[in-house]
C-alpha atoms as a PDB file:
ATOM      1  CA  MET A   1      67.934  40.149   6.511  1.00  0.00           C
ATOM      2  CA  ALA A   2      66.876  42.966   7.957  1.00  0.00           C
ATOM      3  CA  THR A   3      68.586  44.623  11.312  1.00  0.00           C
ATOM      4  CA  LEU A   4      66.386  45.740  14.068  1.00  0.00           C
ATOM      5  CA  ASP A   5      67.185  49.317  13.069  1.00  0.00           C
ATOM      6  CA  SER A   6      66.389  49.771  10.222  1.00  0.00           C
ATOM      7  CA  LEU A   7      62.953  47.835  10.418  1.00  0.00           C
ATOM      8  CA  ILE A   8      62.380  51.039  13.373  1.00  0.00           C
ATOM      9  CA  LEU A   9      63.771  52.850  10.916  1.00  0.00           C
ATOM     10  CA  ALA A  10      61.256  52.230   7.992  1.00  0.00           C
ATOM     11  CA  THR A  11      58.416  51.752  10.421  1.00  0.00           C
ATOM     12  CA  ALA A  12      59.046  55.740  11.624  1.00  0.00           C
ATOM     13  CA  ASP A  13      59.197  56.927   7.611  1.00  0.00           C
ATOM     14  CA  ILE A  14      55.910  55.084   6.807  1.00  0.00           C
ATOM     15  CA  LEU A  15      54.013  56.603  10.141  1.00  0.00           C
ATOM     16  CA  CYS A  16      55.757  60.273  10.028  1.00  0.00           C
ATOM     17  CA  PRO A  17      58.126  60.547   6.385  1.00  0.00           C
ATOM     18  CA  SER A  18      60.732  63.233   6.771  1.00  0.00           C
ATOM     19  CA  LYS A  19      59.568  64.923   9.438  1.00  0.00           C
ATOM     20  CA  LEU A  20      60.617  62.561  12.263  1.00  0.00           C
ATOM     21  CA  LYS A  21      64.280  61.140  12.594  1.00  0.00           C
ATOM     22  CA  VAL A  22      65.090  58.072  14.176  1.00  0.00           C
ATOM     23  CA  THR A  23      67.876  58.217  16.228  1.00  0.00           C
ATOM     24  CA  ALA A  24      68.448  54.382  17.991  1.00  0.00           C
ATOM     25  CA  ALA A  25      67.173  51.816  18.606  1.00  0.00           C
ATOM     26  CA  ARG A  26      68.002  48.953  21.250  1.00  0.00           C
ATOM     27  CA  PRO A  27      65.563  46.513  22.228  1.00  0.00           C
ATOM     28  CA  GLY A  28      62.490  48.007  24.822  1.00  0.00           C
ATOM     29  CA  THR A  29      63.977  51.743  23.820  1.00  0.00           C
ATOM     30  CA  VAL A  30      63.750  53.783  20.921  1.00  0.00           C
ATOM     31  CA  ASN A  31      65.224  57.343  20.345  1.00  0.00           C
ATOM     32  CA  PHE A  32      64.063  59.537  18.247  1.00  0.00           C
ATOM     33  CA  GLU A  33      63.492  63.492  17.363  1.00  0.00           C
ATOM     34  CA  LEU A  34      61.325  66.194  15.544  1.00  0.00           C
ATOM     35  CA  ASP A  35      62.235  69.415  13.837  1.00  0.00           C
ATOM     36  CA  ILE A  36      60.004  71.914  15.057  1.00  0.00           C
ATOM     37  CA  GLN A  37      57.968  72.628  11.663  1.00  0.00           C
ATOM     38  CA  LYS A  38      54.747  75.157  11.306  1.00  0.00           C
ATOM     39  CA  GLU A  39      52.151  72.200  10.568  1.00  0.00           C
ATOM     40  CA  HIS A  40      53.234  70.759  14.757  1.00  0.00           C
ATOM     41  CA  THR A  41      52.148  73.920  16.446  1.00  0.00           C
ATOM     42  CA  ASN A  42      49.854  76.326  17.930  1.00  0.00           C
ATOM     43  CA  ARG A  43      48.290  79.664  17.214  1.00  0.00           C
ATOM     44  CA  LEU A  44      51.177  80.987  19.436  1.00  0.00           C
ATOM     45  CA  ASN A  45      52.995  79.227  16.584  1.00  0.00           C
ATOM     46  CA  ILE A  46      54.638  77.166  20.012  1.00  0.00           C
ATOM     47  CA  LEU A  47      54.899  73.100  20.054  1.00  0.00           C
ATOM     48  CA  HIS A  48      51.069  71.980  19.880  1.00  0.00           C
ATOM     49  CA  GLY A  49      50.505  69.204  22.580  1.00  0.00           C
ATOM     50  CA  GLY A  50      49.268  67.551  20.472  1.00  0.00           C
ATOM     51  CA  THR A  51      51.890  66.716  18.462  1.00  0.00           C
ATOM     52  CA  LEU A  52      53.711  66.090  21.804  1.00  0.00           C
ATOM     53  CA  ALA A  53      50.695  63.124  21.735  1.00  0.00           C
ATOM     54  CA  CYS A  54      50.328  62.443  18.246  1.00  0.00           C
ATOM     55  CA  MET A  55      54.604  60.984  19.163  1.00  0.00           C
ATOM     56  CA  THR A  56      53.220  59.369  22.643  1.00  0.00           C
ATOM     57  CA  ASP A  57      51.265  57.550  20.807  1.00  0.00           C
ATOM     58  CA  LEU A  58      53.939  56.526  17.562  1.00  0.00           C
ATOM     59  CA  GLY A  59      56.579  55.792  19.878  1.00  0.00           C
ATOM     60  CA  GLY A  60      54.820  53.207  22.092  1.00  0.00           C
ATOM     61  CA  SER A  61      54.763  51.394  18.670  1.00  0.00           C
ATOM     62  CA  LEU A  62      57.998  52.300  17.759  1.00  0.00           C
ATOM     63  CA  ALA A  63      59.457  51.487  21.320  1.00  0.00           C
ATOM     64  CA  VAL A  64      56.912  47.623  21.045  1.00  0.00           C
ATOM     65  CA  ALA A  65      58.157  46.925  17.129  1.00  0.00           C
ATOM     66  CA  SER A  66      61.914  47.591  18.698  1.00  0.00           C
ATOM     67  CA  ARG A  67      60.710  44.380  20.955  1.00  0.00           C
ATOM     68  CA  GLY A  68      59.715  42.085  17.707  1.00  0.00           C
ATOM     69  CA  LEU A  69      56.203  42.830  17.896  1.00  0.00           C
ATOM     70  CA  PHE A  70      55.706  44.764  14.493  1.00  0.00           C
ATOM     71  CA  ALA A  71      51.849  43.978  14.804  1.00  0.00           C
ATOM     72  CA  THR A  72      51.781  46.561  18.146  1.00  0.00           C
ATOM     73  CA  GLY A  73      47.816  46.055  18.444  1.00  0.00           C
ATOM     74  CA  VAL A  74      45.249  48.917  19.884  1.00  0.00           C
ATOM     75  CA  SER A  75      45.695  52.211  22.424  1.00  0.00           C
ATOM     76  CA  THR A  76      43.899  51.739  25.697  1.00  0.00           C
ATOM     77  CA  ASP A  77      44.844  54.378  27.523  1.00  0.00           C
ATOM     78  CA  LEU A  78      47.586  57.402  26.939  1.00  0.00           C
ATOM     79  CA  SER A  79      48.308  60.089  28.675  1.00  0.00           C
ATOM     80  CA  VAL A  80      51.062  63.675  28.264  1.00  0.00           C
ATOM     81  CA  THR A  81      51.959  65.193  30.605  1.00  0.00           C
ATOM     82  CA  TYR A  82      53.103  69.052  29.256  1.00  0.00           C
ATOM     83  CA  LEU A  83      55.889  70.229  31.645  1.00  0.00           C
ATOM     84  CA  ASN A  84      57.522  73.449  29.287  1.00  0.00           C
ATOM     85  CA  SER A  85      57.475  74.699  25.978  1.00  0.00           C
ATOM     86  CA  GLY A  86      58.007  72.573  23.315  1.00  0.00           C
ATOM     87  CA  GLY A  87      60.269  74.948  21.582  1.00  0.00           C
ATOM     88  CA  LYS A  88      59.113  76.899  18.056  1.00  0.00           C
ATOM     89  CA  ILE A  89      59.042  76.292  14.365  1.00  0.00           C
ATOM     90  CA  GLY A  90      63.818  75.350  13.834  1.00  0.00           C
ATOM     91  CA  ASP A  91      63.775  74.129  17.193  1.00  0.00           C
ATOM     92  CA  THR A  92      64.364  70.755  17.700  1.00  0.00           C
ATOM     93  CA  VAL A  93      62.610  68.248  20.329  1.00  0.00           C
ATOM     94  CA  ARG A  94      63.789  64.781  21.506  1.00  0.00           C
ATOM     95  CA  ALA A  95      62.074  61.690  23.289  1.00  0.00           C
ATOM     96  CA  GLU A  96      63.471  58.495  24.443  1.00  0.00           C
ATOM     97  CA  VAL A  97      60.358  56.018  25.023  1.00  0.00           C
ATOM     98  CA  THR A  98      60.982  52.286  26.297  1.00  0.00           C
ATOM     99  CA  CYS A  99      58.413  49.225  26.762  1.00  0.00           C
ATOM    100  CA  ASP A 100      58.843  49.051  30.850  1.00  0.00           C
ATOM    101  CA  LYS A 101      56.210  46.169  30.723  1.00  0.00           C
ATOM    102  CA  PHE A 102      55.449  43.023  27.841  1.00  0.00           C
ATOM    103  CA  GLY A 103      52.839  40.912  28.555  1.00  0.00           C
ATOM    104  CA  LYS A 104      50.527  38.244  26.553  1.00  0.00           C
ATOM    105  CA  THR A 105      47.857  40.935  25.576  1.00  0.00           C
ATOM    106  CA  LEU A 106      48.942  44.604  26.977  1.00  0.00           C
ATOM    107  CA  ALA A 107      52.384  46.819  26.738  1.00  0.00           C
ATOM    108  CA  HIS A 108      53.232  49.758  28.704  1.00  0.00           C
ATOM    109  CA  THR A 109      55.268  52.440  27.491  1.00  0.00           C
ATOM    110  CA  SER A 110      56.883  55.430  28.730  1.00  0.00           C
ATOM    111  CA  ILE A 111      58.226  58.834  27.555  1.00  0.00           C
ATOM    112  CA  ARG A 112      60.562  61.758  27.924  1.00  0.00           C
ATOM    113  CA  PHE A 113      60.204  64.577  25.350  1.00  0.00           C
ATOM    114  CA  THR A 114      63.048  66.812  25.956  1.00  0.00           C
ATOM    115  CA  ASN A 115      64.543  69.593  24.113  1.00  0.00           C
ATOM    116  CA  THR A 116      68.185  70.968  22.612  1.00  0.00           C
ATOM    117  CA  GLN A 117      69.624  72.027  26.757  1.00  0.00           C
ATOM    118  CA  ASN A 118      67.989  68.944  27.831  1.00  0.00           C
ATOM    119  CA  GLU A 119      65.624  70.526  29.470  1.00  0.00           C
ATOM    120  CA  LEU A 120      62.191  67.862  30.564  1.00  0.00           C
ATOM    121  CA  VAL A 121      59.692  68.864  27.869  1.00  0.00           C
ATOM    122  CA  ALA A 122      56.917  66.354  28.161  1.00  0.00           C
ATOM    123  CA  ARG A 123      56.214  63.222  29.417  1.00  0.00           C
ATOM    124  CA  GLY A 124      53.431  60.691  28.404  1.00  0.00           C
ATOM    125  CA  SER A 125      52.359  57.208  28.445  1.00  0.00           C
ATOM    126  CA  HIS A 126      50.343  54.866  26.406  1.00  0.00           C
ATOM    127  CA  THR A 127      49.589  51.367  26.683  1.00  0.00           C
ATOM    128  CA  LYS A 128      48.824  49.218  24.137  1.00  0.00           C
END
């Protein structure tokens, strides 16, 4: 029988092969990180906001999946607030996503992004 960790890791590998690393998973909360590469950056060679938006979307799905629902539905709302630069090529951005409310038809998740100095880079929410 598969463990929660192996199911979360398999989901992340399918969606972001060799880029995203799940570092911890427990029911309702998933931690993951991304080593920033050229394809994750903007014209200023810093982490692109769209990369964080994608990670917010993916993170919300992982948080819902960590509660045992692997057909996670469709997104109804996604929001990201950018607070600091996420870093440059070679840096790591870390994320912790939590499933805040898990109802019959919707799940509400929140995510915090930090850099390696544990400074808050962005925060987001995802409803699906």
